[in-house]
């Protein structure tokens, strides 16, 4: 018999750095989840992504047990990392803060392919390019 699901919880935590302090502790505590158990499991699974923001979807069951699925870091973070940028443009569309090549877009699209709503790599590249443009980054051919 399948476990009965009480709800889902979506958080974005830095890889390998989950701790009981806010915002993680209160969000998990409200659902009755063992906070330290989650933090240890999450930190073990995300050691390789130390410091990167990692989205996680936690499935909470009626018996207070939980499962979680780790997603890939946000496209904006990967884009900023690829072109070594601190932040996107304050006025996207008017002010260009950097440029990104098709090759860099392809690497990011391949990394994010599991979380994107695209069937092939070309469509995934278009999605990532759109994210870059909305950050005020010029896409070079």
N, C-alpha and C. Protein backbone atom coordinates (compact mmCIF):
# COMPACT_ATOMS: atom_id res chain seq x y z
N UNK A 1 0.84 -1.19 0.00
CA UNK A 1 0.00 0.00 0.00
C UNK A 1 0.88 1.25 0.00
N UNK A 2 0.50 2.21 -0.80
CA UNK A 2 1.26 3.45 -0.92
C UNK A 2 1.05 4.34 0.31
N UNK A 3 2.10 5.10 0.64
CA UNK A 3 1.99 6.04 1.76
C UNK A 3 1.07 7.18 1.36
N UNK A 4 0.35 7.72 2.34
CA UNK A 4 -0.55 8.83 2.09
C UNK A 4 0.22 10.14 2.19
N UNK A 5 0.14 10.95 1.14
CA UNK A 5 0.90 12.20 1.07
C UNK A 5 0.14 13.32 1.79
N UNK A 6 0.86 14.02 2.68
CA UNK A 6 0.27 15.13 3.41
C UNK A 6 0.47 16.45 2.66
N UNK A 7 1.52 16.53 1.84
CA UNK A 7 1.77 17.75 1.08
C UNK A 7 3.16 17.80 0.51
N UNK A 8 3.40 18.88 -0.22
CA UNK A 8 4.71 19.12 -0.83
C UNK A 8 5.27 20.43 -0.32
N UNK A 9 6.58 20.53 -0.32
CA UNK A 9 7.26 21.72 0.16
C UNK A 9 8.40 22.01 -0.82
N UNK A 10 8.45 23.22 -1.35
CA UNK A 10 9.52 23.60 -2.27
C UNK A 10 10.41 24.62 -1.59
N UNK A 11 11.70 24.33 -1.57
CA UNK A 11 12.68 25.23 -0.97
C UNK A 11 13.87 25.40 -1.91
N UNK A 12 14.62 26.46 -1.73
CA UNK A 12 15.87 26.64 -2.46
C UNK A 12 16.95 26.87 -1.41
N UNK A 13 17.85 25.90 -1.30
CA UNK A 13 18.87 25.91 -0.25
C UNK A 13 20.24 25.84 -0.91
N UNK A 14 21.23 26.50 -0.34
CA UNK A 14 22.59 26.39 -0.88
C UNK A 14 23.10 24.97 -0.66
N UNK A 15 23.70 24.41 -1.70
CA UNK A 15 24.18 23.03 -1.66
C UNK A 15 25.15 22.78 -0.53
N UNK A 16 24.90 21.70 0.23
CA UNK A 16 25.78 21.32 1.32
C UNK A 16 25.73 22.23 2.53
N UNK A 17 24.78 23.18 2.57
CA UNK A 17 24.74 24.15 3.67
C UNK A 17 23.38 24.25 4.33
N UNK A 18 22.58 23.17 4.29
CA UNK A 18 21.28 23.21 4.96
C UNK A 18 21.50 23.16 6.47
N UNK A 19 20.82 24.04 7.20
CA UNK A 19 20.90 24.02 8.66
C UNK A 19 19.52 24.38 9.23
N UNK A 20 19.31 24.11 10.52
CA UNK A 20 17.97 24.33 11.10
C UNK A 20 17.55 25.80 11.23
N UNK A 21 18.43 26.71 10.92
CA UNK A 21 18.09 28.14 11.01
C UNK A 21 17.09 28.51 9.92
N UNK A 22 16.38 29.64 10.11
CA UNK A 22 15.45 30.07 9.06
C UNK A 22 16.18 30.25 7.73
N UNK A 23 15.56 30.00 6.61
CA UNK A 23 14.17 29.64 6.38
C UNK A 23 13.89 28.14 6.42
N UNK A 24 14.92 27.30 6.48
CA UNK A 24 14.73 25.85 6.41
C UNK A 24 14.01 25.30 7.64
N UNK A 25 14.49 25.63 8.82
CA UNK A 25 13.94 25.09 10.06
C UNK A 25 12.45 25.33 10.23
N UNK A 26 11.99 26.58 10.17
CA UNK A 26 10.56 26.84 10.36
C UNK A 26 9.67 26.18 9.30
N UNK A 27 10.15 26.17 8.04
CA UNK A 27 9.35 25.56 6.97
C UNK A 27 9.16 24.06 7.21
N UNK A 28 10.22 23.39 7.66
CA UNK A 28 10.12 21.95 7.92
C UNK A 28 9.38 21.69 9.23
N UNK A 29 9.61 22.52 10.23
CA UNK A 29 8.98 22.36 11.53
C UNK A 29 7.46 22.45 11.47
N UNK A 30 6.93 23.32 10.62
CA UNK A 30 5.49 23.46 10.47
C UNK A 30 4.85 22.17 10.00
N UNK A 31 5.60 21.41 9.20
CA UNK A 31 5.07 20.15 8.66
C UNK A 31 5.36 18.96 9.56
N UNK A 32 6.12 19.18 10.63
CA UNK A 32 6.42 18.11 11.56
C UNK A 32 7.56 17.20 11.11
N UNK A 33 8.39 17.69 10.20
CA UNK A 33 9.51 16.90 9.70
C UNK A 33 10.69 17.02 10.65
N UNK A 34 11.45 15.93 10.83
CA UNK A 34 12.66 15.95 11.63
C UNK A 34 13.69 16.81 10.89
N UNK A 35 13.95 17.99 11.41
CA UNK A 35 14.78 18.98 10.72
C UNK A 35 16.22 18.50 10.55
N UNK A 36 16.82 17.96 11.59
CA UNK A 36 18.21 17.52 11.52
C UNK A 36 18.37 16.35 10.55
N UNK A 37 17.40 15.46 10.53
CA UNK A 37 17.45 14.31 9.61
C UNK A 37 17.46 14.81 8.16
N UNK A 38 16.60 15.79 7.86
CA UNK A 38 16.57 16.36 6.51
C UNK A 38 17.88 17.05 6.19
N UNK A 39 18.38 17.88 7.09
CA UNK A 39 19.61 18.64 6.85
C UNK A 39 20.78 17.71 6.55
N UNK A 40 20.92 16.63 7.33
CA UNK A 40 22.03 15.69 7.10
C UNK A 40 21.89 15.01 5.74
N UNK A 41 20.69 14.54 5.41
CA UNK A 41 20.47 13.86 4.13
C UNK A 41 20.70 14.81 2.96
N UNK A 42 20.20 16.04 3.07
CA UNK A 42 20.35 17.03 2.00
C UNK A 42 21.82 17.38 1.81
N UNK A 43 22.53 17.64 2.90
CA UNK A 43 23.95 18.03 2.81
C UNK A 43 24.79 16.90 2.22
N UNK A 44 24.46 15.63 2.54
CA UNK A 44 25.19 14.50 1.97
C UNK A 44 24.99 14.43 0.46
N UNK A 45 23.76 14.65 0.00
CA UNK A 45 23.46 14.54 -1.43
C UNK A 45 23.96 15.72 -2.25
N UNK A 46 24.20 16.86 -1.61
CA UNK A 46 24.60 18.06 -2.36
C UNK A 46 26.02 18.52 -2.07
N UNK A 47 26.88 17.62 -1.58
CA UNK A 47 28.27 17.99 -1.31
C UNK A 47 28.97 18.52 -2.56
N UNK A 48 28.66 17.92 -3.73
CA UNK A 48 29.31 18.31 -4.98
C UNK A 48 28.85 19.67 -5.50
N UNK A 49 27.74 20.20 -4.99
CA UNK A 49 27.22 21.50 -5.42
C UNK A 49 27.37 22.56 -4.33
N UNK A 50 28.42 22.48 -3.57
CA UNK A 50 28.66 23.36 -2.43
C UNK A 50 28.52 24.84 -2.82
N UNK A 51 27.61 25.54 -2.12
CA UNK A 51 27.44 26.97 -2.32
C UNK A 51 26.46 27.36 -3.42
N UNK A 52 26.11 26.43 -4.32
CA UNK A 52 25.15 26.75 -5.39
C UNK A 52 23.74 26.67 -4.83
N UNK A 53 22.85 27.57 -5.25
CA UNK A 53 21.45 27.44 -4.81
C UNK A 53 20.83 26.21 -5.47
N UNK A 54 20.28 25.31 -4.65
CA UNK A 54 19.72 24.06 -5.16
C UNK A 54 18.24 23.98 -4.80
N UNK A 55 17.36 23.99 -5.82
CA UNK A 55 15.93 23.80 -5.54
C UNK A 55 15.68 22.36 -5.10
N UNK A 56 14.80 22.18 -4.13
CA UNK A 56 14.47 20.85 -3.64
C UNK A 56 12.95 20.78 -3.42
N UNK A 57 12.35 19.66 -3.85
CA UNK A 57 10.92 19.44 -3.64
C UNK A 57 10.80 18.31 -2.62
N UNK A 58 10.21 18.62 -1.47
CA UNK A 58 10.08 17.66 -0.38
C UNK A 58 8.64 17.14 -0.36
N UNK A 59 8.50 15.81 -0.39
CA UNK A 59 7.19 15.19 -0.28
C UNK A 59 7.02 14.77 1.17
N UNK A 60 5.99 15.31 1.82
CA UNK A 60 5.74 15.02 3.23
C UNK A 60 4.58 14.02 3.31
N UNK A 61 4.79 12.94 4.08
CA UNK A 61 3.76 11.92 4.24
C UNK A 61 3.02 12.10 5.57
N UNK A 62 1.86 11.48 5.68
CA UNK A 62 1.02 11.60 6.90
C UNK A 62 1.75 11.14 8.15
N UNK A 63 2.63 10.13 8.02
CA UNK A 63 3.35 9.61 9.20
C UNK A 63 4.61 10.42 9.52
N UNK A 64 4.72 11.65 8.97
CA UNK A 64 5.81 12.61 9.21
C UNK A 64 7.14 12.19 8.58
N UNK A 65 7.13 11.15 7.76
CA UNK A 65 8.32 10.78 7.00
C UNK A 65 8.36 11.68 5.76
N UNK A 66 9.48 11.69 5.07
CA UNK A 66 9.60 12.55 3.89
C UNK A 66 10.55 11.96 2.86
N UNK A 67 10.38 12.37 1.63
CA UNK A 67 11.31 12.10 0.53
C UNK A 67 11.61 13.45 -0.10
N UNK A 68 12.74 13.55 -0.77
CA UNK A 68 12.99 14.81 -1.47
C UNK A 68 13.69 14.56 -2.80
N UNK A 69 13.40 15.46 -3.74
CA UNK A 69 13.98 15.41 -5.08
C UNK A 69 14.79 16.68 -5.27
N UNK A 70 16.04 16.52 -5.65
CA UNK A 70 16.92 17.66 -5.87
C UNK A 70 16.89 18.02 -7.35
N UNK A 71 16.68 19.30 -7.64
CA UNK A 71 16.65 19.80 -9.01
C UNK A 71 18.00 20.44 -9.35
N UNK A 72 18.15 20.86 -10.61
CA UNK A 72 19.39 21.54 -11.00
C UNK A 72 19.31 23.01 -10.58
N UNK A 73 20.46 23.66 -10.37
CA UNK A 73 20.45 25.07 -9.98
C UNK A 73 19.71 25.93 -11.01
N UNK A 74 19.17 27.07 -10.60
CA UNK A 74 18.44 27.93 -11.53
C UNK A 74 19.30 28.37 -12.72
N UNK A 75 18.65 28.57 -13.86
CA UNK A 75 19.36 28.97 -15.07
C UNK A 75 20.10 30.29 -14.86
N UNK A 76 19.49 31.22 -14.14
CA UNK A 76 20.13 32.53 -13.92
C UNK A 76 21.46 32.36 -13.18
N UNK A 77 21.50 31.44 -12.22
CA UNK A 77 22.74 31.20 -11.48
C UNK A 77 23.81 30.61 -12.40
N UNK A 78 23.41 29.63 -13.21
CA UNK A 78 24.37 28.99 -14.12
C UNK A 78 24.88 29.97 -15.17
N UNK A 79 24.00 30.86 -15.64
CA UNK A 79 24.41 31.88 -16.63
C UNK A 79 25.43 32.83 -16.00
N UNK A 80 25.12 33.33 -14.79
CA UNK A 80 26.04 34.25 -14.11
C UNK A 80 27.39 33.58 -13.86
N UNK A 81 27.35 32.29 -13.50
CA UNK A 81 28.57 31.54 -13.23
C UNK A 81 29.39 31.38 -14.52
N UNK A 82 28.71 31.11 -15.64
CA UNK A 82 29.39 30.87 -16.92
C UNK A 82 30.14 32.10 -17.41
N UNK A 83 29.55 33.28 -17.23
CA UNK A 83 30.21 34.50 -17.74
C UNK A 83 30.81 35.35 -16.62
N UNK A 84 30.90 34.75 -15.42
CA UNK A 84 31.53 35.40 -14.27
C UNK A 84 30.97 36.79 -14.02
N UNK A 85 29.67 36.82 -13.75
CA UNK A 85 28.93 38.06 -13.55
C UNK A 85 28.39 38.08 -12.12
N UNK A 86 28.38 39.24 -11.48
CA UNK A 86 27.83 39.35 -10.13
C UNK A 86 26.31 39.32 -10.15
N UNK A 87 25.68 40.12 -11.02
CA UNK A 87 24.23 40.14 -11.11
C UNK A 87 23.80 40.57 -12.51
N UNK A 88 22.53 40.35 -12.80
CA UNK A 88 21.99 40.75 -14.10
C UNK A 88 21.81 42.26 -14.16
N UNK A 89 21.30 42.73 -15.29
CA UNK A 89 21.10 44.15 -15.51
C UNK A 89 19.96 44.69 -14.65
N UNK A 90 20.12 45.92 -14.17
CA UNK A 90 19.04 46.58 -13.43
C UNK A 90 17.93 46.98 -14.40
N UNK A 91 18.30 47.21 -15.66
CA UNK A 91 17.34 47.59 -16.70
C UNK A 91 17.52 46.68 -17.92
N UNK A 92 17.04 45.42 -17.86
CA UNK A 92 17.20 44.52 -19.01
C UNK A 92 16.46 45.07 -20.22
N UNK A 93 17.07 44.91 -21.40
CA UNK A 93 16.48 45.46 -22.61
C UNK A 93 17.09 46.80 -22.97
N UNK A 94 17.57 47.52 -21.97
CA UNK A 94 18.20 48.82 -22.20
C UNK A 94 19.70 48.74 -21.94
N UNK A 95 20.07 48.15 -20.80
CA UNK A 95 21.47 48.09 -20.41
C UNK A 95 21.97 46.65 -20.55
N UNK A 96 23.01 46.45 -21.34
CA UNK A 96 23.61 45.13 -21.53
C UNK A 96 24.79 45.02 -20.56
N UNK A 97 24.79 43.96 -19.74
CA UNK A 97 25.85 43.81 -18.74
C UNK A 97 26.90 42.78 -19.13
N UNK A 98 26.65 42.04 -20.19
CA UNK A 98 27.61 41.03 -20.61
C UNK A 98 27.12 40.30 -21.84
N UNK A 99 27.89 39.31 -22.28
CA UNK A 99 27.46 38.52 -23.44
C UNK A 99 27.80 37.06 -23.18
N UNK A 100 27.05 36.19 -23.84
CA UNK A 100 27.21 34.75 -23.68
C UNK A 100 27.22 34.12 -25.07
N UNK A 101 28.04 33.08 -25.24
CA UNK A 101 28.14 32.43 -26.54
C UNK A 101 27.17 31.26 -26.63
N UNK A 102 26.92 30.80 -27.86
CA UNK A 102 26.04 29.64 -28.09
C UNK A 102 26.60 28.40 -27.40
N UNK A 103 27.93 28.28 -27.38
CA UNK A 103 28.57 27.11 -26.76
C UNK A 103 28.30 27.08 -25.25
N UNK A 104 28.38 28.25 -24.60
CA UNK A 104 28.09 28.32 -23.17
C UNK A 104 26.62 28.01 -22.91
N UNK A 105 25.74 28.52 -23.78
CA UNK A 105 24.30 28.23 -23.65
C UNK A 105 24.04 26.74 -23.77
N UNK A 106 24.74 26.09 -24.70
CA UNK A 106 24.55 24.65 -24.91
C UNK A 106 24.95 23.85 -23.67
N UNK A 107 26.07 24.23 -23.03
CA UNK A 107 26.52 23.53 -21.82
C UNK A 107 25.49 23.67 -20.70
N UNK A 108 24.95 24.88 -20.54
CA UNK A 108 23.95 25.13 -19.50
C UNK A 108 22.68 24.35 -19.82
N UNK A 109 22.25 24.36 -21.08
CA UNK A 109 21.04 23.64 -21.49
C UNK A 109 21.19 22.14 -21.26
N UNK A 110 22.37 21.60 -21.53
CA UNK A 110 22.60 20.16 -21.29
C UNK A 110 22.53 19.84 -19.80
N UNK A 111 23.06 20.73 -18.97
CA UNK A 111 23.02 20.51 -17.52
C UNK A 111 21.58 20.58 -16.99
N UNK A 112 20.76 21.48 -17.55
CA UNK A 112 19.40 21.70 -17.06
C UNK A 112 18.34 20.87 -17.79
N UNK A 113 18.73 20.09 -18.77
CA UNK A 113 17.79 19.38 -19.64
C UNK A 113 16.74 18.59 -18.86
N UNK A 114 17.11 17.98 -17.74
CA UNK A 114 16.16 17.16 -16.98
C UNK A 114 15.02 18.00 -16.40
N UNK A 115 15.28 19.27 -16.10
CA UNK A 115 14.26 20.12 -15.48
C UNK A 115 13.54 21.04 -16.46
N UNK A 116 13.99 21.07 -17.71
CA UNK A 116 13.38 21.96 -18.68
C UNK A 116 12.22 21.28 -19.41
N UNK A 117 11.30 22.10 -19.90
CA UNK A 117 10.15 21.62 -20.65
C UNK A 117 10.49 21.65 -22.14
N UNK A 118 11.46 20.81 -22.54
CA UNK A 118 11.90 20.79 -23.94
C UNK A 118 12.21 19.35 -24.34
N UNK A 119 11.96 19.05 -25.61
CA UNK A 119 12.20 17.70 -26.12
C UNK A 119 13.62 17.51 -26.65
N UNK A 120 14.19 18.56 -27.23
CA UNK A 120 15.54 18.43 -27.76
C UNK A 120 16.42 19.59 -27.28
N UNK A 121 17.71 19.45 -27.53
CA UNK A 121 18.68 20.41 -27.00
C UNK A 121 18.51 21.79 -27.63
N UNK A 122 18.08 21.86 -28.89
CA UNK A 122 17.88 23.15 -29.55
C UNK A 122 16.82 23.99 -28.84
N UNK A 123 15.72 23.35 -28.47
CA UNK A 123 14.66 24.05 -27.74
C UNK A 123 15.15 24.48 -26.35
N UNK A 124 15.92 23.62 -25.71
CA UNK A 124 16.47 23.95 -24.39
C UNK A 124 17.40 25.16 -24.48
N UNK A 125 18.19 25.24 -25.54
CA UNK A 125 19.09 26.38 -25.74
C UNK A 125 18.28 27.66 -25.88
N UNK A 126 17.15 27.60 -26.59
CA UNK A 126 16.30 28.77 -26.76
C UNK A 126 15.74 29.25 -25.42
N UNK A 127 15.36 28.30 -24.56
CA UNK A 127 14.84 28.65 -23.23
C UNK A 127 15.91 29.37 -22.41
N UNK A 128 17.13 28.82 -22.40
CA UNK A 128 18.24 29.41 -21.64
C UNK A 128 18.62 30.77 -22.23
N UNK A 129 18.59 30.89 -23.56
CA UNK A 129 18.90 32.18 -24.21
C UNK A 129 17.88 33.23 -23.80
N UNK A 130 16.62 32.85 -23.70
CA UNK A 130 15.59 33.79 -23.25
C UNK A 130 15.83 34.25 -21.83
N UNK A 131 16.27 33.33 -20.97
CA UNK A 131 16.60 33.70 -19.60
C UNK A 131 17.76 34.69 -19.57
N UNK A 132 18.75 34.44 -20.41
CA UNK A 132 19.92 35.34 -20.47
C UNK A 132 19.50 36.73 -20.94
N UNK A 133 18.67 36.79 -21.98
CA UNK A 133 18.22 38.09 -22.49
C UNK A 133 17.42 38.85 -21.43
N UNK A 134 16.61 38.13 -20.66
CA UNK A 134 15.82 38.81 -19.63
C UNK A 134 16.68 39.29 -18.47
N UNK A 135 17.92 38.84 -18.41
CA UNK A 135 18.86 39.32 -17.39
C UNK A 135 19.72 40.47 -17.92
N UNK A 136 19.51 40.86 -19.20
CA UNK A 136 20.29 41.93 -19.80
C UNK A 136 21.62 41.45 -20.34
N UNK A 137 21.66 40.18 -20.79
CA UNK A 137 22.88 39.60 -21.33
C UNK A 137 22.67 39.36 -22.82
N UNK A 138 23.63 39.81 -23.61
CA UNK A 138 23.55 39.67 -25.06
C UNK A 138 23.95 38.25 -25.46
N UNK A 139 23.16 37.63 -26.37
CA UNK A 139 23.45 36.29 -26.85
C UNK A 139 24.19 36.42 -28.18
N UNK A 140 25.43 35.92 -28.21
CA UNK A 140 26.24 35.99 -29.44
C UNK A 140 26.06 34.72 -30.26
N UNK A 141 25.99 34.89 -31.57
CA UNK A 141 25.81 33.73 -32.48
C UNK A 141 27.08 32.92 -32.60
